[in-house]
Protein backbone atom coordinates (compact mmCIF):
# COMPACT_ATOMS: atom_id res chain seq x y z
CA UNK A 1 63.20 20.37 -18.31
CA UNK A 2 65.18 23.61 -18.12
CA UNK A 3 66.13 25.22 -21.43
CA UNK A 4 67.39 28.58 -22.63
CA UNK A 5 66.14 30.47 -25.71
CA UNK A 6 65.21 28.65 -28.92
CA UNK A 7 67.70 30.59 -31.03
CA UNK A 8 69.88 28.22 -33.06
CA UNK A 9 73.47 28.10 -31.87
CA UNK A 10 76.43 26.10 -33.06
CA UNK A 11 77.50 24.65 -29.72
CA UNK A 12 75.15 22.83 -27.37
CA UNK A 13 75.75 21.73 -23.79
CA UNK A 14 73.65 18.98 -22.24
CA UNK A 15 73.80 19.14 -18.43
CA UNK A 16 72.93 15.93 -16.59
CA UNK A 17 72.17 16.05 -12.87
CA UNK A 18 73.10 13.38 -10.36
CA UNK A 19 71.22 10.52 -8.74
CA UNK A 20 68.38 11.86 -6.52
CA UNK A 21 69.26 15.38 -7.69
CA UNK A 22 67.53 17.99 -9.88
CA UNK A 23 68.43 20.21 -12.89
CA UNK A 24 68.24 23.29 -10.67
CA UNK A 25 71.76 22.48 -9.48
CA UNK A 26 72.88 23.71 -12.91
CA UNK A 27 71.07 27.06 -12.77
CA UNK A 28 74.19 29.15 -12.28
CA UNK A 29 76.35 27.16 -14.68
CA UNK A 30 73.56 27.19 -17.26
CA UNK A 31 73.28 30.97 -17.04
CA UNK A 32 77.06 31.26 -17.28
CA UNK A 33 77.18 29.43 -20.61
CA UNK A 34 73.91 30.76 -22.00
CA UNK A 35 75.21 34.30 -21.55
CA UNK A 36 78.22 33.35 -23.69
CA UNK A 37 76.10 32.15 -26.61
CA UNK A 38 75.88 28.41 -25.95
CA UNK A 39 72.60 26.54 -26.19
CA UNK A 40 72.02 24.74 -22.90
CA UNK A 41 69.60 21.99 -21.95
CA UNK A 42 69.30 20.47 -18.46
CA UNK A 43 66.68 17.68 -18.44
CA UNK A 44 65.02 16.03 -15.46
CA UNK A 45 65.75 12.31 -15.27
CA UNK A 46 62.78 9.97 -14.90
CA UNK A 47 61.52 9.56 -11.34
CA UNK A 48 63.41 12.57 -10.02
CA UNK A 49 62.09 15.91 -8.81
CA UNK A 50 58.94 14.69 -7.09
CA UNK A 51 58.80 12.09 -4.32
CA UNK A 52 60.84 9.04 -3.24
CA UNK A 53 57.98 6.80 -4.35
CA UNK A 54 58.16 8.29 -7.86
CA UNK A 55 61.88 7.57 -7.99
CA UNK A 56 61.23 4.02 -6.83
CA UNK A 57 59.08 3.40 -9.90
CA UNK A 58 61.81 4.43 -12.36
CA UNK A 59 64.44 2.05 -13.72
CA UNK A 60 67.84 2.43 -15.37
CA UNK A 61 66.13 2.15 -18.73
CA UNK A 62 63.87 5.06 -17.81
CA UNK A 63 66.90 7.16 -16.85
CA UNK A 64 68.59 6.29 -20.14
CA UNK A 65 65.50 7.27 -22.12
CA UNK A 66 65.32 10.63 -20.34
CA UNK A 67 68.87 11.62 -21.22
CA UNK A 68 68.72 10.16 -24.72
CA UNK A 69 65.54 12.05 -25.58
CA UNK A 70 67.07 15.29 -24.27
CA UNK A 71 70.26 14.64 -26.24
CA UNK A 72 68.31 14.16 -29.46
CA UNK A 73 66.27 17.31 -28.83
CA UNK A 74 69.37 19.43 -28.34
CA UNK A 75 71.19 17.80 -31.24
CA UNK A 76 68.57 19.16 -33.67
CA UNK A 77 69.68 22.73 -32.99
CA UNK A 78 73.46 22.57 -32.71
CA UNK A 79 76.52 21.58 -34.71
CA UNK A 80 78.69 20.44 -31.82
CA UNK A 81 77.62 18.77 -28.60
CA UNK A 82 79.20 18.76 -25.15
CA UNK A 83 77.89 16.94 -22.09
CA UNK A 84 78.45 18.03 -18.50
CA UNK A 85 77.55 15.34 -15.99
CA UNK A 86 77.37 16.08 -12.28
CA UNK A 87 78.03 13.01 -10.13
CA UNK A 88 75.97 10.13 -11.63
CA UNK A 89 75.21 12.42 -14.55
CA UNK A 90 78.82 11.76 -15.56
CA UNK A 91 78.12 8.02 -15.72
CA UNK A 92 75.09 8.74 -17.89
CA UNK A 93 77.31 10.91 -20.11
CA UNK A 94 79.65 7.97 -20.70
CA UNK A 95 76.65 5.85 -21.67
CA UNK A 96 75.51 8.53 -24.14
CA UNK A 97 79.00 8.64 -25.64
CA UNK A 98 78.77 4.94 -26.47
CA UNK A 99 75.12 5.15 -27.53
CA UNK A 100 75.99 7.82 -30.12
CA UNK A 101 79.35 6.39 -31.24
CA UNK A 102 81.43 9.06 -29.50
CA UNK A 103 80.12 11.80 -31.78
CA UNK A 104 80.24 14.39 -28.99
CA UNK A 105 82.94 17.04 -29.01
CA UNK A 106 83.63 16.59 -25.30
CA UNK A 107 82.45 15.31 -21.93
CA UNK A 108 82.95 17.00 -18.57
CA UNK A 109 82.37 14.98 -15.40
CA UNK A 110 82.04 16.53 -11.94
CA UNK A 111 82.63 14.00 -9.17
CA UNK A 112 81.51 10.99 -11.24
CA UNK A 113 81.34 7.89 -9.02
CA UNK A 114 83.04 4.56 -9.46
CA UNK A 115 83.20 3.93 -5.73
CA UNK A 116 81.36 5.64 -2.92
CA UNK A 117 82.84 6.52 0.42
CA UNK A 118 82.31 3.57 2.83
CA UNK A 119 81.00 1.52 -0.09
CA UNK A 120 81.62 -1.85 1.58
CA UNK A 121 79.46 -0.80 4.52
CA UNK A 122 76.77 0.47 2.14
CA UNK A 123 76.76 -2.85 0.27
CA UNK A 124 76.57 -4.74 3.57
CA UNK A 125 73.47 -2.75 4.53
CA UNK A 126 71.84 -3.23 1.14
CA UNK A 127 72.59 -6.96 1.05
CA UNK A 128 71.37 -7.74 4.55
CA UNK A 129 68.45 -5.88 6.10
CA UNK A 130 68.29 -3.69 2.99
CA UNK A 131 66.31 -6.45 1.31
CA UNK A 132 63.49 -5.86 3.77
CA UNK A 133 63.41 -2.06 3.58
CA UNK A 134 61.92 0.13 0.87
CA UNK A 135 64.13 3.11 1.69
CA UNK A 136 67.75 3.84 2.54
CA UNK A 137 68.60 6.92 4.59
CA UNK A 138 71.41 9.14 3.32
CA UNK A 139 74.30 9.57 5.79
CA UNK A 140 74.52 12.98 7.47
CA UNK A 141 77.90 13.61 5.83
CA UNK A 142 76.11 13.62 2.47
CA UNK A 143 73.56 16.15 3.62
CA UNK A 144 75.77 18.56 5.53
CA UNK A 145 76.52 20.64 2.42
CA UNK A 146 73.00 20.30 1.04
CA UNK A 147 70.81 21.64 3.83
CA UNK A 148 71.96 25.26 3.65
CA UNK A 149 71.50 25.19 -0.11
CA UNK A 150 68.00 23.73 0.23
CA UNK A 151 67.05 26.51 2.63
CA UNK A 152 68.20 29.11 0.12
CA UNK A 153 66.03 27.49 -2.53
CA UNK A 154 63.03 27.66 -0.20
CA UNK A 155 63.70 31.34 0.33
CA UNK A 156 63.74 31.88 -3.42
CA UNK A 157 60.66 29.68 -3.86
CA UNK A 158 62.74 27.54 -6.20
CA UNK A 159 62.76 23.80 -6.77
CA UNK A 160 64.63 21.56 -4.38
CA UNK A 161 67.66 19.60 -5.51
CA UNK A 162 66.14 16.24 -4.66
CA UNK A 163 62.38 16.05 -4.34
CA UNK A 164 59.43 18.44 -4.43
CA UNK A 165 59.58 21.39 -1.97
CA UNK A 166 56.43 20.24 -0.12
CA UNK A 167 58.25 17.26 1.35
CA UNK A 168 59.63 17.39 4.87
CA UNK A 169 63.38 17.09 5.44
CA UNK A 170 63.11 13.46 6.56
CA UNK A 171 61.57 12.53 3.21
CA UNK A 172 64.32 14.41 1.37
CA UNK A 173 67.01 12.35 3.09
CA UNK A 174 65.79 8.94 1.92
CA UNK A 175 66.55 6.96 -1.22
CA UNK A 176 64.41 4.06 -2.45
CA UNK A 177 66.46 0.91 -1.88
CA UNK A 178 65.41 -0.38 -5.30
CA UNK A 179 66.69 2.81 -6.96
CA UNK A 180 69.96 2.67 -5.02
CA UNK A 181 70.52 -0.86 -6.35
CA UNK A 182 69.87 0.34 -9.91
CA UNK A 183 72.39 3.15 -9.35
CA UNK A 184 75.14 0.81 -8.09
CA UNK A 185 74.33 -1.81 -10.73
CA UNK A 186 74.70 0.78 -13.49
CA UNK A 187 78.14 1.85 -12.27
CA UNK A 188 79.39 -1.73 -11.83
CA UNK A 189 78.02 -3.28 -15.02
CA UNK A 190 77.70 -0.35 -17.40
CA UNK A 191 80.28 2.31 -16.52
CA UNK A 192 83.29 0.36 -15.24
CA UNK A 193 83.61 -2.33 -17.93
CA UNK A 194 82.87 0.03 -20.83
CA UNK A 195 85.14 3.00 -20.18
CA UNK A 196 87.58 1.81 -22.88
CA UNK A 197 84.80 2.26 -25.43
CA UNK A 198 84.51 5.96 -24.60
CA UNK A 199 86.89 7.88 -26.88
CA UNK A 200 85.32 11.34 -26.65
CA UNK A 201 87.69 14.00 -25.18
CA UNK A 202 87.03 14.24 -21.46
CA UNK A 203 87.64 16.60 -18.56
CA UNK A 204 87.41 14.74 -15.25
CA UNK A 205 86.90 17.15 -12.34
CA UNK A 206 86.85 15.89 -8.78
CA UNK A 207 87.03 17.39 -5.29
CA UNK A 208 90.16 16.55 -3.31
CA UNK A 209 88.01 15.82 -0.24
CA UNK A 210 84.76 14.63 -1.80
CA UNK A 211 82.32 13.55 0.94
CA UNK A 212 80.47 11.06 -1.27
CA UNK A 213 82.61 9.78 -4.16
CA UNK A 214 86.15 8.81 -3.27
CA UNK A 215 88.93 10.45 -5.35
CA UNK A 216 90.10 7.02 -6.52
CA UNK A 217 87.04 7.10 -8.78
CA UNK A 218 88.50 9.97 -10.82
CA UNK A 219 91.85 8.21 -11.10
CA UNK A 220 90.15 5.02 -12.28
CA UNK A 221 88.20 6.88 -14.95
CA UNK A 222 91.32 8.69 -16.14
CA UNK A 223 93.39 5.48 -16.30
CA UNK A 224 90.74 3.36 -18.00
CA UNK A 225 88.86 5.64 -20.37
CA UNK A 226 89.60 5.21 -24.07
CA UNK A 227 89.91 8.94 -24.76
CA UNK A 228 93.24 10.12 -26.15
CA UNK A 229 92.45 13.67 -25.05
CA UNK A 230 91.80 13.58 -21.31
CA UNK A 231 92.43 15.87 -18.36
CA UNK A 232 92.19 15.13 -14.64
CA UNK A 233 91.38 18.33 -12.75
CA UNK A 234 91.62 18.21 -8.96
CA UNK A 235 89.47 20.86 -7.33
CA UNK A 236 90.44 22.02 -3.84
CA UNK A 237 87.08 21.42 -2.19
CA UNK A 238 85.27 19.19 0.30
CA UNK A 239 81.97 19.43 -1.59
CA UNK A 240 80.63 16.52 -3.59
CA UNK A 241 78.57 18.89 -5.72
CA UNK A 242 81.33 21.18 -6.96
CA UNK A 243 78.76 23.59 -8.37
CA UNK A 244 78.07 24.76 -4.80
CA UNK A 245 81.66 25.49 -3.81
CA UNK A 246 82.43 29.16 -3.15
CA UNK A 247 85.32 28.88 -5.65
CA UNK A 248 83.05 27.50 -8.38
CA UNK A 249 83.89 30.29 -10.86
CA UNK A 250 87.35 28.74 -11.17
CA UNK A 251 85.64 25.49 -12.15
CA UNK A 252 83.33 27.27 -14.60
CA UNK A 253 86.33 28.88 -16.29
CA UNK A 254 88.14 25.54 -16.49
CA UNK A 255 85.12 23.98 -18.20
CA UNK A 256 84.86 26.92 -20.60
CA UNK A 257 88.53 26.64 -21.48
CA UNK A 258 88.14 22.91 -22.19
CA UNK A 259 85.13 23.55 -24.42
CA UNK A 260 86.80 26.43 -26.26
CA UNK A 261 89.85 24.29 -27.03
CA UNK A 262 87.66 21.67 -28.67
CA UNK A 263 85.23 23.98 -30.47
């Protein structure tokens, strides 16, 4: 669990990483907001950060507990709470909004999924021979913008975005089939039918050419969420993880502006 100083601050930002990802993807954004006086907490979701077999043992309920516990920890020290969810972290943010009766001051989602690219093909694989396999291999298009970043983390002796640094690249590219089903189940049965219940102000950021989550996801969230205050921000990028785009400072400033308006 990554956290800044213990000094009490009025505004807290909970940063939730994506499925198979790691809090280290928020390092730069966390430093950006910490330097401006915000209290930031970026927890590690259950099963993440170690090995594929560890992820396989975790369930949706474990993921929920991870983010809820972190939320409650941060809430003790701040007056207003914002949540930034990267990819699936955005779906978890919507769940937290409902779990805490929309008490948050705002939610920011970065490429939150409703539908994945080539989702029908993915479902076909999972519902046929996927029943007989423990692991699903990520498509190369998903990893093309990750590998260079992973190498830079190795160079800095930092933690990898997905699993522990000791794993070989082939192990990094796989997802437990069981976990992938939990991920898709959560989106279908928790996120989609309950968006109307989310009334917290929301900033929905999405890449115009996202390689993982199709842009229609952002439009669906915008059109179906119950929030009266909502903004759809299209980011000119072909990265799924917008935090790695070379123009990311523009995104950081957009998030800061959204938070300042609601603080």
